Amino acid sequence: MYQKAYKDIALDDFSAERANEAMAIDQAIAMMKEGQEDMSSVEAVKALHFTRRLWLYFLDDLSAPENALPDTLKAHLISIGIWGLKELERIERKEHDSFSDLIHVMELIREGLR
């Protein structure tokens, strides 16, 4: 009986965490879409910083020993996160002038969380 209750609580915690991650990704996407109109705007800079912090948070969580995701999935997500950070650096250095690739990838990840 107690094990079942604990299992149900753990599943609820994971659902809440996934929902929070999806909301954070929604926020990053909204900020990037707003900044996309003028890549030199304050909105674009805020989107860069927020999205970088979000990816760093995800990478930190994925690399934590207590993260229960399968190792293969963690490795794939870490690779995507590293790509995302590099893409943000390219945008910051004006080597790329659009958030569109990041927006697309983050929309796919968000849908996977739901």
N, C-alpha and C. Protein backbone atom coordinates (compact mmCIF):
# COMPACT_ATOMS: atom_id res chain seq x y z
N MET A 1 0.83 -1.19 0.00
CA MET A 1 0.00 0.00 0.00
C MET A 1 0.87 1.25 0.00
N TYR A 2 1.86 1.29 0.89
CA TYR A 2 2.71 2.47 0.96
C TYR A 2 3.53 2.65 -0.31
N GLN A 3 3.99 1.53 -0.89
CA GLN A 3 4.76 1.63 -2.12
C GLN A 3 3.93 2.23 -3.24
N LYS A 4 2.69 1.81 -3.34
CA LYS A 4 1.83 2.34 -4.38
C LYS A 4 1.63 3.84 -4.19
N ALA A 5 1.39 4.26 -2.99
CA ALA A 5 1.19 5.68 -2.72
C ALA A 5 2.45 6.47 -3.07
N TYR A 6 3.62 5.94 -2.71
CA TYR A 6 4.87 6.62 -3.03
C TYR A 6 5.06 6.70 -4.53
N LYS A 7 4.76 5.60 -5.22
CA LYS A 7 4.90 5.57 -6.67
C LYS A 7 3.99 6.61 -7.32
N ASP A 8 2.75 6.71 -6.85
CA ASP A 8 1.81 7.70 -7.38
C ASP A 8 2.31 9.12 -7.14
N ILE A 9 2.85 9.37 -5.96
CA ILE A 9 3.38 10.70 -5.65
C ILE A 9 4.58 11.01 -6.53
N ALA A 10 5.46 10.05 -6.72
CA ALA A 10 6.65 10.25 -7.57
C ALA A 10 6.23 10.56 -9.00
N LEU A 11 5.23 9.83 -9.52
CA LEU A 11 4.75 10.10 -10.87
C LEU A 11 4.15 11.49 -10.97
N ASP A 12 3.41 11.92 -9.94
CA ASP A 12 2.86 13.27 -9.93
C ASP A 12 3.98 14.31 -9.93
N ASP A 13 5.06 14.07 -9.16
CA ASP A 13 6.19 14.99 -9.12
C ASP A 13 6.84 15.09 -10.50
N PHE A 14 7.00 13.95 -11.17
CA PHE A 14 7.61 13.96 -12.51
C PHE A 14 6.72 14.71 -13.49
N SER A 15 5.40 14.53 -13.37
CA SER A 15 4.48 15.24 -14.25
C SER A 15 4.56 16.74 -14.03
N ALA A 16 4.63 17.14 -12.77
CA ALA A 16 4.73 18.57 -12.46
C ALA A 16 6.04 19.14 -12.97
N GLU A 17 7.12 18.38 -12.82
CA GLU A 17 8.42 18.86 -13.30
C GLU A 17 8.41 18.99 -14.82
N ARG A 18 7.84 18.03 -15.52
CA ARG A 18 7.75 18.11 -16.98
C ARG A 18 6.90 19.31 -17.40
N ALA A 19 5.81 19.56 -16.69
CA ALA A 19 4.95 20.71 -17.00
C ALA A 19 5.71 22.01 -16.78
N ASN A 20 6.50 22.09 -15.71
CA ASN A 20 7.31 23.29 -15.46
C ASN A 20 8.36 23.48 -16.54
N GLU A 21 8.98 22.39 -16.97
CA GLU A 21 9.97 22.49 -18.04
C GLU A 21 9.32 22.96 -19.33
N ALA A 22 8.13 22.44 -19.64
CA ALA A 22 7.41 22.86 -20.84
C ALA A 22 7.05 24.34 -20.76
N MET A 23 6.64 24.81 -19.58
CA MET A 23 6.31 26.24 -19.43
C MET A 23 7.56 27.11 -19.62
N ALA A 24 8.70 26.66 -19.10
CA ALA A 24 9.94 27.43 -19.28
C ALA A 24 10.34 27.47 -20.75
N ILE A 25 10.15 26.36 -21.44
CA ILE A 25 10.44 26.34 -22.88
C ILE A 25 9.48 27.25 -23.62
N ASP A 26 8.20 27.24 -23.23
CA ASP A 26 7.21 28.16 -23.83
C ASP A 26 7.67 29.61 -23.67
N GLN A 27 8.17 29.94 -22.48
CA GLN A 27 8.64 31.30 -22.22
C GLN A 27 9.82 31.65 -23.13
N ALA A 28 10.77 30.73 -23.25
CA ALA A 28 11.94 30.97 -24.12
C ALA A 28 11.50 31.16 -25.57
N ILE A 29 10.58 30.32 -26.02
CA ILE A 29 10.09 30.43 -27.41
C ILE A 29 9.40 31.77 -27.62
N ALA A 30 8.55 32.16 -26.69
CA ALA A 30 7.86 33.45 -26.82
C ALA A 30 8.85 34.61 -26.86
N MET A 31 9.87 34.54 -26.01
CA MET A 31 10.87 35.61 -25.98
C MET A 31 11.67 35.65 -27.29
N MET A 32 12.02 34.47 -27.81
CA MET A 32 12.77 34.44 -29.07
C MET A 32 11.92 34.95 -30.23
N LYS A 33 10.66 34.58 -30.24
CA LYS A 33 9.77 35.08 -31.31
C LYS A 33 9.65 36.59 -31.25
N GLU A 34 9.58 37.13 -30.05
CA GLU A 34 9.49 38.58 -29.91
C GLU A 34 10.81 39.24 -30.34
N GLY A 35 11.94 38.67 -29.95
CA GLY A 35 13.23 39.22 -30.31
C GLY A 35 13.59 39.02 -31.77
N GLN A 36 12.96 38.06 -32.42
CA GLN A 36 13.25 37.74 -33.81
C GLN A 36 13.01 38.92 -34.75
N GLU A 37 12.06 39.78 -34.38
CA GLU A 37 11.72 40.91 -35.24
C GLU A 37 12.90 41.86 -35.43
N ASP A 38 13.72 42.02 -34.39
CA ASP A 38 14.91 42.87 -34.47
C ASP A 38 15.99 42.22 -33.61
N MET A 39 16.91 41.52 -34.27
CA MET A 39 17.91 40.73 -33.56
C MET A 39 18.90 41.58 -32.76
N SER A 40 18.85 42.90 -32.90
CA SER A 40 19.71 43.77 -32.09
C SER A 40 18.93 44.46 -30.97
N SER A 41 17.68 44.05 -30.78
CA SER A 41 16.81 44.68 -29.79
C SER A 41 17.09 44.16 -28.39
N VAL A 42 16.57 44.88 -27.42
CA VAL A 42 16.65 44.47 -26.03
C VAL A 42 15.93 43.12 -25.85
N GLU A 43 14.82 42.94 -26.56
CA GLU A 43 14.06 41.70 -26.47
C GLU A 43 14.90 40.51 -26.94
N ALA A 44 15.67 40.71 -28.01
CA ALA A 44 16.53 39.63 -28.52
C ALA A 44 17.62 39.29 -27.52
N VAL A 45 18.20 40.31 -26.90
CA VAL A 45 19.24 40.08 -25.89
C VAL A 45 18.66 39.34 -24.68
N LYS A 46 17.47 39.75 -24.25
CA LYS A 46 16.81 39.05 -23.14
C LYS A 46 16.52 37.60 -23.51
N ALA A 47 16.08 37.36 -24.73
CA ALA A 47 15.80 36.00 -25.19
C ALA A 47 17.08 35.16 -25.19
N LEU A 48 18.18 35.75 -25.65
CA LEU A 48 19.47 35.05 -25.63
C LEU A 48 19.85 34.62 -24.22
N HIS A 49 19.77 35.54 -23.30
CA HIS A 49 20.19 35.26 -21.93
C HIS A 49 19.26 34.25 -21.25
N PHE A 50 17.96 34.43 -21.42
CA PHE A 50 17.01 33.51 -20.80
C PHE A 50 17.19 32.10 -21.36
N THR A 51 17.31 31.99 -22.68
CA THR A 51 17.42 30.68 -23.31
C THR A 51 18.75 30.02 -22.93
N ARG A 52 19.81 30.79 -22.83
CA ARG A 52 21.10 30.24 -22.39
C ARG A 52 20.98 29.68 -20.96
N ARG A 53 20.39 30.46 -20.07
CA ARG A 53 20.22 30.00 -18.68
C ARG A 53 19.37 28.73 -18.63
N LEU A 54 18.34 28.67 -19.47
CA LEU A 54 17.47 27.49 -19.50
C LEU A 54 18.25 26.26 -19.96
N TRP A 55 19.02 26.40 -21.04
CA TRP A 55 19.81 25.27 -21.52
C TRP A 55 20.85 24.85 -20.48
N LEU A 56 21.47 25.81 -19.83
CA LEU A 56 22.45 25.46 -18.79
C LEU A 56 21.78 24.72 -17.64
N TYR A 57 20.58 25.13 -17.27
CA TYR A 57 19.83 24.42 -16.24
C TYR A 57 19.55 22.99 -16.68
N PHE A 58 19.06 22.83 -17.92
CA PHE A 58 18.76 21.49 -18.42
C PHE A 58 20.02 20.61 -18.45
N LEU A 59 21.13 21.18 -18.92
CA LEU A 59 22.38 20.41 -18.98
C LEU A 59 22.85 20.00 -17.59
N ASP A 60 22.71 20.90 -16.64
CA ASP A 60 23.09 20.58 -15.27
C ASP A 60 22.22 19.44 -14.72
N ASP A 61 20.92 19.54 -14.97
CA ASP A 61 19.99 18.50 -14.51
C ASP A 61 20.27 17.17 -15.19
N LEU A 62 20.53 17.20 -16.48
CA LEU A 62 20.77 15.96 -17.23
C LEU A 62 22.07 15.28 -16.79
N SER A 63 23.04 16.04 -16.37
CA SER A 63 24.32 15.46 -15.97
C SER A 63 24.35 15.03 -14.50
N ALA A 64 23.30 15.33 -13.76
CA ALA A 64 23.24 14.95 -12.35
C ALA A 64 23.07 13.43 -12.21
N PRO A 65 23.83 12.82 -11.31
CA PRO A 65 23.73 11.36 -11.13
C PRO A 65 22.33 10.89 -10.74
N GLU A 66 21.57 11.72 -10.06
CA GLU A 66 20.22 11.32 -9.64
C GLU A 66 19.17 11.43 -10.74
N ASN A 67 19.55 11.96 -11.90
CA ASN A 67 18.60 12.05 -13.01
C ASN A 67 18.28 10.63 -13.47
N ALA A 68 17.00 10.29 -13.47
CA ALA A 68 16.57 8.91 -13.72
C ALA A 68 16.31 8.59 -15.19
N LEU A 69 16.51 9.54 -16.08
CA LEU A 69 16.30 9.24 -17.49
C LEU A 69 17.31 8.20 -17.96
N PRO A 70 16.95 7.42 -18.97
CA PRO A 70 17.92 6.47 -19.52
C PRO A 70 19.16 7.20 -20.06
N ASP A 71 20.30 6.57 -19.91
CA ASP A 71 21.57 7.21 -20.30
C ASP A 71 21.58 7.63 -21.77
N THR A 72 21.02 6.83 -22.64
CA THR A 72 21.00 7.16 -24.07
C THR A 72 20.19 8.43 -24.31
N LEU A 73 19.04 8.53 -23.68
CA LEU A 73 18.21 9.73 -23.83
C LEU A 73 18.92 10.94 -23.27
N LYS A 74 19.54 10.79 -22.10
CA LYS A 74 20.30 11.91 -21.52
C LYS A 74 21.40 12.36 -22.47
N ALA A 75 22.12 11.41 -23.07
CA ALA A 75 23.21 11.76 -23.99
C ALA A 75 22.67 12.53 -25.19
N HIS A 76 21.55 12.10 -25.73
CA HIS A 76 20.96 12.81 -26.88
C HIS A 76 20.53 14.22 -26.49
N LEU A 77 19.89 14.34 -25.34
CA LEU A 77 19.44 15.67 -24.89
C LEU A 77 20.62 16.58 -24.58
N ILE A 78 21.67 16.02 -24.01
CA ILE A 78 22.88 16.82 -23.75
C ILE A 78 23.47 17.31 -25.06
N SER A 79 23.50 16.46 -26.08
CA SER A 79 24.00 16.88 -27.40
C SER A 79 23.17 18.01 -27.97
N ILE A 80 21.86 17.90 -27.83
CA ILE A 80 20.97 18.97 -28.32
C ILE A 80 21.23 20.25 -27.52
N GLY A 81 21.41 20.13 -26.22
CA GLY A 81 21.69 21.30 -25.38
C GLY A 81 22.99 21.99 -25.77
N ILE A 82 24.01 21.21 -26.05
CA ILE A 82 25.30 21.78 -26.48
C ILE A 82 25.12 22.48 -27.82
N TRP A 83 24.38 21.86 -28.73
CA TRP A 83 24.09 22.51 -30.01
C TRP A 83 23.36 23.84 -29.77
N GLY A 84 22.37 23.82 -28.86
CA GLY A 84 21.61 25.03 -28.57
C GLY A 84 22.49 26.16 -28.05
N LEU A 85 23.40 25.82 -27.15
CA LEU A 85 24.32 26.83 -26.62
C LEU A 85 25.23 27.37 -27.71
N LYS A 86 25.70 26.50 -28.59
CA LYS A 86 26.55 26.95 -29.71
C LYS A 86 25.76 27.84 -30.66
N GLU A 87 24.51 27.49 -30.89
CA GLU A 87 23.65 28.30 -31.75
C GLU A 87 23.45 29.70 -31.15
N LEU A 88 23.25 29.75 -29.84
CA LEU A 88 23.12 31.05 -29.16
C LEU A 88 24.40 31.87 -29.30
N GLU A 89 25.55 31.21 -29.20
CA GLU A 89 26.83 31.91 -29.38
C GLU A 89 26.95 32.47 -30.80
N ARG A 90 26.53 31.68 -31.80
CA ARG A 90 26.58 32.14 -33.19
C ARG A 90 25.70 33.38 -33.37
N ILE A 91 24.54 33.37 -32.76
CA ILE A 91 23.63 34.52 -32.85
C ILE A 91 24.27 35.72 -32.17
N GLU A 92 24.84 35.50 -31.01
CA GLU A 92 25.47 36.59 -30.26
C GLU A 92 26.63 37.21 -31.04
N ARG A 93 27.39 36.37 -31.74
CA ARG A 93 28.54 36.86 -32.53
C ARG A 93 28.11 37.37 -33.91
N LYS A 94 26.80 37.40 -34.15
CA LYS A 94 26.23 37.88 -35.42
C LYS A 94 26.61 36.98 -36.61
N GLU A 95 26.92 35.71 -36.32
CA GLU A 95 27.20 34.75 -37.38
C GLU A 95 25.91 34.12 -37.90
N HIS A 96 24.86 34.27 -37.14
CA HIS A 96 23.55 33.75 -37.50
C HIS A 96 22.55 34.82 -37.10
N ASP A 97 21.57 35.09 -37.93
CA ASP A 97 20.68 36.22 -37.67
C ASP A 97 19.24 35.83 -37.40
N SER A 98 19.05 34.64 -36.82
CA SER A 98 17.68 34.19 -36.59
C SER A 98 17.63 33.18 -35.44
N PHE A 99 16.54 33.22 -34.71
CA PHE A 99 16.26 32.24 -33.67
C PHE A 99 15.49 31.04 -34.22
N SER A 100 15.18 31.04 -35.51
CA SER A 100 14.22 30.07 -36.06
C SER A 100 14.62 28.62 -35.81
N ASP A 101 15.88 28.26 -35.96
CA ASP A 101 16.29 26.87 -35.72
C ASP A 101 16.11 26.49 -34.26
N LEU A 102 16.50 27.38 -33.37
CA LEU A 102 16.31 27.12 -31.93
C LEU A 102 14.84 27.01 -31.58
N ILE A 103 14.04 27.89 -32.13
CA ILE A 103 12.60 27.86 -31.86
C ILE A 103 12.03 26.51 -32.30
N HIS A 104 12.41 26.07 -33.49
CA HIS A 104 11.89 24.81 -34.02
C HIS A 104 12.28 23.63 -33.12
N VAL A 105 13.54 23.54 -32.74
CA VAL A 105 14.00 22.43 -31.90
C VAL A 105 13.33 22.47 -30.53
N MET A 106 13.21 23.66 -29.97
CA MET A 106 12.60 23.77 -28.64
C MET A 106 11.10 23.47 -28.69
N GLU A 107 10.44 23.77 -29.80
CA GLU A 107 9.03 23.39 -29.94
C GLU A 107 8.89 21.87 -29.97
N LEU A 108 9.81 21.19 -30.63
CA LEU A 108 9.78 19.72 -30.68
C LEU A 108 10.00 19.14 -29.29
N ILE A 109 10.95 19.70 -28.55
CA ILE A 109 11.22 19.21 -27.19
C ILE A 109 10.02 19.45 -26.30
N ARG A 110 9.43 20.64 -26.40
CA ARG A 110 8.25 20.96 -25.60
C ARG A 110 7.12 19.98 -25.86
N GLU A 111 6.90 19.65 -27.12
CA GLU A 111 5.82 18.70 -27.46
C GLU A 111 6.13 17.32 -26.87
N GLY A 112 7.41 16.97 -26.81
CA GLY A 112 7.79 15.69 -26.22
C GLY A 112 7.55 15.64 -24.72
N LEU A 113 7.52 16.80 -24.08
CA LEU A 113 7.27 16.87 -22.64
C LEU A 113 5.79 16.74 -22.31
N ARG A 114 4.94 16.97 -23.27
CA ARG A 114 3.49 16.95 -23.02
C ARG A 114 2.87 15.62 -23.29
